[in-house]
C-alpha atoms as a PDB file:
ATOM      1  CA  UNK A   1      74.399 121.829  79.048  1.00  0.00           C
ATOM      2  CA  UNK A   2      76.969 124.492  78.309  1.00  0.00           C
ATOM      3  CA  UNK A   3      80.182 123.125  76.810  1.00  0.00           C
ATOM      4  CA  UNK A   4      83.600 123.656  78.326  1.00  0.00           C
ATOM      5  CA  UNK A   5      84.541 125.604  75.213  1.00  0.00           C
ATOM      6  CA  UNK A   6      81.695 128.081  75.757  1.00  0.00           C
ATOM      7  CA  UNK A   7      82.552 128.402  79.440  1.00  0.00           C
ATOM      8  CA  UNK A   8      86.207 129.107  78.687  1.00  0.00           C
ATOM      9  CA  UNK A   9      85.227 131.838  76.226  1.00  0.00           C
ATOM     10  CA  UNK A  10      82.936 133.355  78.868  1.00  0.00           C
ATOM     11  CA  UNK A  11      85.694 133.072  81.461  1.00  0.00           C
ATOM     12  CA  UNK A  12      88.057 134.923  79.135  1.00  0.00           C
ATOM     13  CA  UNK A  13      85.520 137.745  79.218  1.00  0.00           C
ATOM     14  CA  UNK A  14      85.733 137.672  83.056  1.00  0.00           C
ATOM     15  CA  UNK A  15      82.358 135.978  83.565  1.00  0.00           C
ATOM     16  CA  UNK A  16      82.792 134.498  87.067  1.00  0.00           C
ATOM     17  CA  UNK A  17      79.653 132.380  86.725  1.00  0.00           C
ATOM     18  CA  UNK A  18      81.522 130.417  84.030  1.00  0.00           C
ATOM     19  CA  UNK A  19      84.307 129.749  86.521  1.00  0.00           C
ATOM     20  CA  UNK A  20      81.694 128.574  89.018  1.00  0.00           C
ATOM     21  CA  UNK A  21      80.206 126.160  86.487  1.00  0.00           C
ATOM     22  CA  UNK A  22      83.638 124.754  85.640  1.00  0.00           C
ATOM     23  CA  UNK A  23      84.436 124.445  89.339  1.00  0.00           C
ATOM     24  CA  UNK A  24      81.249 122.453  89.986  1.00  0.00           C
ATOM     25  CA  UNK A  25      81.897 120.283  86.934  1.00  0.00           C
ATOM     26  CA  UNK A  26      85.517 119.343  87.746  1.00  0.00           C
ATOM     27  CA  UNK A  27      86.134 119.922  91.439  1.00  0.00           C
ATOM     28  CA  UNK A  28      85.753 116.268  92.454  1.00  0.00           C
ATOM     29  CA  UNK A  29      88.299 115.021  89.912  1.00  0.00           C
ATOM     30  CA  UNK A  30      90.811 117.744  90.782  1.00  0.00           C
ATOM     31  CA  UNK A  31      90.367 117.194  94.504  1.00  0.00           C
ATOM     32  CA  UNK A  32      90.770 113.395  94.244  1.00  0.00           C
ATOM     33  CA  UNK A  33      94.013 113.684  92.295  1.00  0.00           C
ATOM     34  CA  UNK A  34      95.392 116.326  94.658  1.00  0.00           C
ATOM     35  CA  UNK A  35      94.427 114.255  97.694  1.00  0.00           C
ATOM     36  CA  UNK A  36      95.985 111.120  96.257  1.00  0.00           C
ATOM     37  CA  UNK A  37      99.274 112.957  95.706  1.00  0.00           C
ATOM     38  CA  UNK A  38      99.560 115.143  98.821  1.00  0.00           C
ATOM     39  CA  UNK A  39      97.660 112.848 101.208  1.00  0.00           C
ATOM     40  CA  UNK A  40      96.269 115.707 103.261  1.00  0.00           C
ATOM     41  CA  UNK A  41      92.599 116.738 102.840  1.00  0.00           C
ATOM     42  CA  UNK A  42      93.210 120.356 103.878  1.00  0.00           C
ATOM     43  CA  UNK A  43      96.120 120.754 101.471  1.00  0.00           C
ATOM     44  CA  UNK A  44      94.121 119.040  98.702  1.00  0.00           C
ATOM     45  CA  UNK A  45      91.337 121.567  99.278  1.00  0.00           C
ATOM     46  CA  UNK A  46      93.869 124.413  99.021  1.00  0.00           C
ATOM     47  CA  UNK A  47      95.253 122.939  95.811  1.00  0.00           C
ATOM     48  CA  UNK A  48      91.719 122.661  94.434  1.00  0.00           C
ATOM     49  CA  UNK A  49      91.173 126.359  95.109  1.00  0.00           C
ATOM     50  CA  UNK A  50      94.586 127.313  93.681  1.00  0.00           C
ATOM     51  CA  UNK A  51      93.936 125.275  90.547  1.00  0.00           C
ATOM     52  CA  UNK A  52      90.729 127.141  89.760  1.00  0.00           C
ATOM     53  CA  UNK A  53      92.310 130.456  90.701  1.00  0.00           C
ATOM     54  CA  UNK A  54      94.978 129.710  88.083  1.00  0.00           C
ATOM     55  CA  UNK A  55      92.234 128.857  85.591  1.00  0.00           C
ATOM     56  CA  UNK A  56      90.696 132.262  86.244  1.00  0.00           C
ATOM     57  CA  UNK A  57      94.014 134.126  85.997  1.00  0.00           C
ATOM     58  CA  UNK A  58      95.305 132.233  82.952  1.00  0.00           C
ATOM     59  CA  UNK A  59      92.037 131.699  81.078  1.00  0.00           C
ATOM     60  CA  UNK A  60      93.486 133.617  78.124  1.00  0.00           C
ATOM     61  CA  UNK A  61      96.178 130.891  77.809  1.00  0.00           C
ATOM     62  CA  UNK A  62      93.744 127.959  77.861  1.00  0.00           C
ATOM     63  CA  UNK A  63      92.955 126.691  74.362  1.00  0.00           C
ATOM     64  CA  UNK A  64      89.148 126.423  74.192  1.00  0.00           C
ATOM     65  CA  UNK A  65      89.453 123.971  71.301  1.00  0.00           C
ATOM     66  CA  UNK A  66      91.194 121.383  73.484  1.00  0.00           C
ATOM     67  CA  UNK A  67      89.718 119.410  76.402  1.00  0.00           C
ATOM     68  CA  UNK A  68      90.027 121.240  79.717  1.00  0.00           C
ATOM     69  CA  UNK A  69      90.678 118.220  81.979  1.00  0.00           C
ATOM     70  CA  UNK A  70      94.312 117.658  80.907  1.00  0.00           C
ATOM     71  CA  UNK A  71      95.065 121.324  81.652  1.00  0.00           C
ATOM     72  CA  UNK A  72      93.443 121.023  85.084  1.00  0.00           C
ATOM     73  CA  UNK A  73      95.319 117.801  85.803  1.00  0.00           C
ATOM     74  CA  UNK A  74      98.608 119.416  84.803  1.00  0.00           C
ATOM     75  CA  UNK A  75      98.048 122.339  87.165  1.00  0.00           C
ATOM     76  CA  UNK A  76      96.892 120.005  89.940  1.00  0.00           C
ATOM     77  CA  UNK A  77      99.895 117.706  89.501  1.00  0.00           C
ATOM     78  CA  UNK A  78     102.309 120.646  89.464  1.00  0.00           C
ATOM     79  CA  UNK A  79     100.805 122.253  92.567  1.00  0.00           C
ATOM     80  CA  UNK A  80     100.739 118.893  94.348  1.00  0.00           C
ATOM     81  CA  UNK A  81     104.284 118.011  93.337  1.00  0.00           C
ATOM     82  CA  UNK A  82     105.507 121.391  94.569  1.00  0.00           C
ATOM     83  CA  UNK A  83     103.797 120.833  97.909  1.00  0.00           C
ATOM     84  CA  UNK A  84     105.197 117.308  98.313  1.00  0.00           C
ATOM     85  CA  UNK A  85     108.676 118.445  97.320  1.00  0.00           C
ATOM     86  CA  UNK A  86     108.604 121.145  99.962  1.00  0.00           C
ATOM     87  CA  UNK A  87     106.965 119.221 102.791  1.00  0.00           C
ATOM     88  CA  UNK A  88     107.666 115.502 102.243  1.00  0.00           C
ATOM     89  CA  UNK A  89     104.975 114.524 104.739  1.00  0.00           C
ATOM     90  CA  UNK A  90     103.780 110.953 104.528  1.00  0.00           C
ATOM     91  CA  UNK A  91     100.874 110.556 106.910  1.00  0.00           C
ATOM     92  CA  UNK A  92      97.586 110.404 104.998  1.00  0.00           C
ATOM     93  CA  UNK A  93      96.359 107.232 103.325  1.00  0.00           C
ATOM     94  CA  UNK A  94      95.396 106.717  99.679  1.00  0.00           C
ATOM     95  CA  UNK A  95      92.016 105.011  99.997  1.00  0.00           C
ATOM     96  CA  UNK A  96      90.844 105.819  96.476  1.00  0.00           C
ATOM     97  CA  UNK A  97      94.025 104.643  94.767  1.00  0.00           C
ATOM     98  CA  UNK A  98      94.157 101.499  96.867  1.00  0.00           C
ATOM     99  CA  UNK A  99      90.587 100.709  95.885  1.00  0.00           C
ATOM    100  CA  UNK A 100      91.426 101.247  92.203  1.00  0.00           C
ATOM    101  CA  UNK A 101      94.463  98.974  92.368  1.00  0.00           C
ATOM    102  CA  UNK A 102      92.846  96.283  94.490  1.00  0.00           C
ATOM    103  CA  UNK A 103      89.591  94.476  93.847  1.00  0.00           C
ATOM    104  CA  UNK A 104      86.568  96.696  93.521  1.00  0.00           C
ATOM    105  CA  UNK A 105      83.785  94.117  93.510  1.00  0.00           C
ATOM    106  CA  UNK A 106      81.673  93.420  96.549  1.00  0.00           C
ATOM    107  CA  UNK A 107      83.180  90.729  98.719  1.00  0.00           C
ATOM    108  CA  UNK A 108      81.648  88.085 100.928  1.00  0.00           C
ATOM    109  CA  UNK A 109      81.832  88.786 104.687  1.00  0.00           C
ATOM    110  CA  UNK A 110      84.662  86.275 105.144  1.00  0.00           C
ATOM    111  CA  UNK A 111      86.720  88.211 102.582  1.00  0.00           C
ATOM    112  CA  UNK A 112      86.327  91.677 104.140  1.00  0.00           C
ATOM    113  CA  UNK A 113      89.352  91.304 106.403  1.00  0.00           C
ATOM    114  CA  UNK A 114      91.506  90.019 103.547  1.00  0.00           C
ATOM    115  CA  UNK A 115      90.350  92.909 101.354  1.00  0.00           C
ATOM    116  CA  UNK A 116      91.157  95.473 104.064  1.00  0.00           C
ATOM    117  CA  UNK A 117      94.620  93.978 104.543  1.00  0.00           C
ATOM    118  CA  UNK A 118      95.216  94.094 100.800  1.00  0.00           C
ATOM    119  CA  UNK A 119      94.126  97.750 100.652  1.00  0.00           C
ATOM    120  CA  UNK A 120      96.452  98.614 103.510  1.00  0.00           C
ATOM    121  CA  UNK A 121      99.303  96.788 101.800  1.00  0.00           C
ATOM    122  CA  UNK A 122      98.678  98.542  98.475  1.00  0.00           C
ATOM    123  CA  UNK A 123      98.456 101.880 100.266  1.00  0.00           C
ATOM    124  CA  UNK A 124     101.732 101.255 102.096  1.00  0.00           C
ATOM    125  CA  UNK A 125     103.448 100.152  98.874  1.00  0.00           C
ATOM    126  CA  UNK A 126     102.294 103.289  97.054  1.00  0.00           C
ATOM    127  CA  UNK A 127     103.557 105.395  99.950  1.00  0.00           C
ATOM    128  CA  UNK A 128     107.054 103.991  99.379  1.00  0.00           C
ATOM    129  CA  UNK A 129     107.162 105.065  95.716  1.00  0.00           C
ATOM    130  CA  UNK A 130     109.166 108.087  94.650  1.00  0.00           C
ATOM    131  CA  UNK A 131     106.913 111.112  94.121  1.00  0.00           C
ATOM    132  CA  UNK A 132     107.288 111.106  90.323  1.00  0.00           C
ATOM    133  CA  UNK A 133     106.321 107.411  90.192  1.00  0.00           C
ATOM    134  CA  UNK A 134     103.434 107.891  92.621  1.00  0.00           C
ATOM    135  CA  UNK A 135     102.025 110.722  90.483  1.00  0.00           C
ATOM    136  CA  UNK A 136     102.127 108.554  87.344  1.00  0.00           C
ATOM    137  CA  UNK A 137     100.405 105.657  89.150  1.00  0.00           C
ATOM    138  CA  UNK A 138      97.720 108.008  90.484  1.00  0.00           C
ATOM    139  CA  UNK A 139      97.053 109.686  87.147  1.00  0.00           C
ATOM    140  CA  UNK A 140      97.006 106.374  85.285  1.00  0.00           C
ATOM    141  CA  UNK A 141      94.888 104.335  87.702  1.00  0.00           C
ATOM    142  CA  UNK A 142      92.880 106.893  89.664  1.00  0.00           C
ATOM    143  CA  UNK A 143      92.238 109.352  86.850  1.00  0.00           C
ATOM    144  CA  UNK A 144      92.234 106.646  84.128  1.00  0.00           C
ATOM    145  CA  UNK A 145      94.490 108.749  81.948  1.00  0.00           C
ATOM    146  CA  UNK A 146      96.415 107.577  78.905  1.00  0.00           C
ATOM    147  CA  UNK A 147     100.202 107.688  78.834  1.00  0.00           C
ATOM    148  CA  UNK A 148     100.065 110.455  76.226  1.00  0.00           C
ATOM    149  CA  UNK A 149      97.792 112.589  78.425  1.00  0.00           C
ATOM    150  CA  UNK A 150     100.040 112.034  81.445  1.00  0.00           C
ATOM    151  CA  UNK A 151     103.070 113.037  79.376  1.00  0.00           C
ATOM    152  CA  UNK A 152     101.346 116.274  78.367  1.00  0.00           C
ATOM    153  CA  UNK A 153     100.317 117.008  81.947  1.00  0.00           C
ATOM    154  CA  UNK A 154     103.789 116.362  83.352  1.00  0.00           C
ATOM    155  CA  UNK A 155     105.446 118.032  80.355  1.00  0.00           C
ATOM    156  CA  UNK A 156     107.751 115.108  79.686  1.00  0.00           C
ATOM    157  CA  UNK A 157     108.176 112.520  76.919  1.00  0.00           C
ATOM    158  CA  UNK A 158     105.818 109.529  76.757  1.00  0.00           C
ATOM    159  CA  UNK A 159     108.880 107.313  77.181  1.00  0.00           C
ATOM    160  CA  UNK A 160     109.576 108.904  80.550  1.00  0.00           C
ATOM    161  CA  UNK A 161     106.002 108.241  81.646  1.00  0.00           C
ATOM    162  CA  UNK A 162     106.291 104.613  80.475  1.00  0.00           C
ATOM    163  CA  UNK A 163     109.540 104.231  82.363  1.00  0.00           C
ATOM    164  CA  UNK A 164     108.144 105.706  85.575  1.00  0.00           C
ATOM    165  CA  UNK A 165     105.029 103.555  85.300  1.00  0.00           C
ATOM    166  CA  UNK A 166     107.117 100.437  84.619  1.00  0.00           C
ATOM    167  CA  UNK A 167     109.424 100.993  87.595  1.00  0.00           C
ATOM    168  CA  UNK A 168     106.501 101.920  89.839  1.00  0.00           C
ATOM    169  CA  UNK A 169     104.691  98.693  88.883  1.00  0.00           C
ATOM    170  CA  UNK A 170     107.875  96.689  89.483  1.00  0.00           C
ATOM    171  CA  UNK A 171     108.286  98.224  92.939  1.00  0.00           C
ATOM    172  CA  UNK A 172     104.627  97.553  93.709  1.00  0.00           C
ATOM    173  CA  UNK A 173     104.969  93.936  92.506  1.00  0.00           C
ATOM    174  CA  UNK A 174     108.041  93.503  94.679  1.00  0.00           C
ATOM    175  CA  UNK A 175     106.374  95.059  97.720  1.00  0.00           C
ATOM    176  CA  UNK A 176     103.132  93.145  97.235  1.00  0.00           C
ATOM    177  CA  UNK A 177     104.723  89.850  96.130  1.00  0.00           C
ATOM    178  CA  UNK A 178     105.146  88.537  99.655  1.00  0.00           C
ATOM    179  CA  UNK A 179     101.456  89.145 100.356  1.00  0.00           C
ATOM    180  CA  UNK A 180     100.395  87.351  97.184  1.00  0.00           C
ATOM    181  CA  UNK A 181     102.592  84.346  98.023  1.00  0.00           C
ATOM    182  CA  UNK A 182     101.234  84.273 101.559  1.00  0.00           C
ATOM    183  CA  UNK A 183      97.600  84.342 100.412  1.00  0.00           C
ATOM    184  CA  UNK A 184      98.329  81.617  97.813  1.00  0.00           C
ATOM    185  CA  UNK A 185      99.783  79.386 100.538  1.00  0.00           C
ATOM    186  CA  UNK A 186      96.678  79.884 102.649  1.00  0.00           C
ATOM    187  CA  UNK A 187      94.488  79.182  99.662  1.00  0.00           C
ATOM    188  CA  UNK A 188      96.232  75.871  99.008  1.00  0.00           C
ATOM    189  CA  UNK A 189      96.169  74.798 102.657  1.00  0.00           C
ATOM    190  CA  UNK A 190      99.878  75.200 103.364  1.00  0.00           C
ATOM    191  CA  UNK A 191      99.495  77.485 106.349  1.00  0.00           C
END
């Protein structure tokens, strides 16, 4: 398999087949992050295309010695953030993020309804987060990125990422706390 480094060098020489290989290799990750942020499949598809167009245009600025994914995530996050800032639409759900933040194991049939309610609650709580907090939650939990990588992508200090993640978790705990207490009461027969 051709390495990203080799593909970037080929792309710098305007080899469009290298761009195609990189697109096939990373399109799912880029699309998922864009979709989780903008919550609109059509817009996420546009962002996916724009991200790889930027890779083609700015290939000479991409360091082939460094991993490509952080660069792609940075471009995706920036394009997504710009879209959200301009449109502020809040009408598409975050199924993938909700699944990451809620249980992912198979559940017994009697638990399916409870699981669906939990996913909907997590989704709704994430929707209420400020955009900069939502992006950090998505990159950390959906993309499984380290705080350092997120800081590089968002071009901000690690401390800022930690702060955003902390406050986002606190807001999620607050929003989801009532649900947890309710399910605990049911579990102990108090309902």
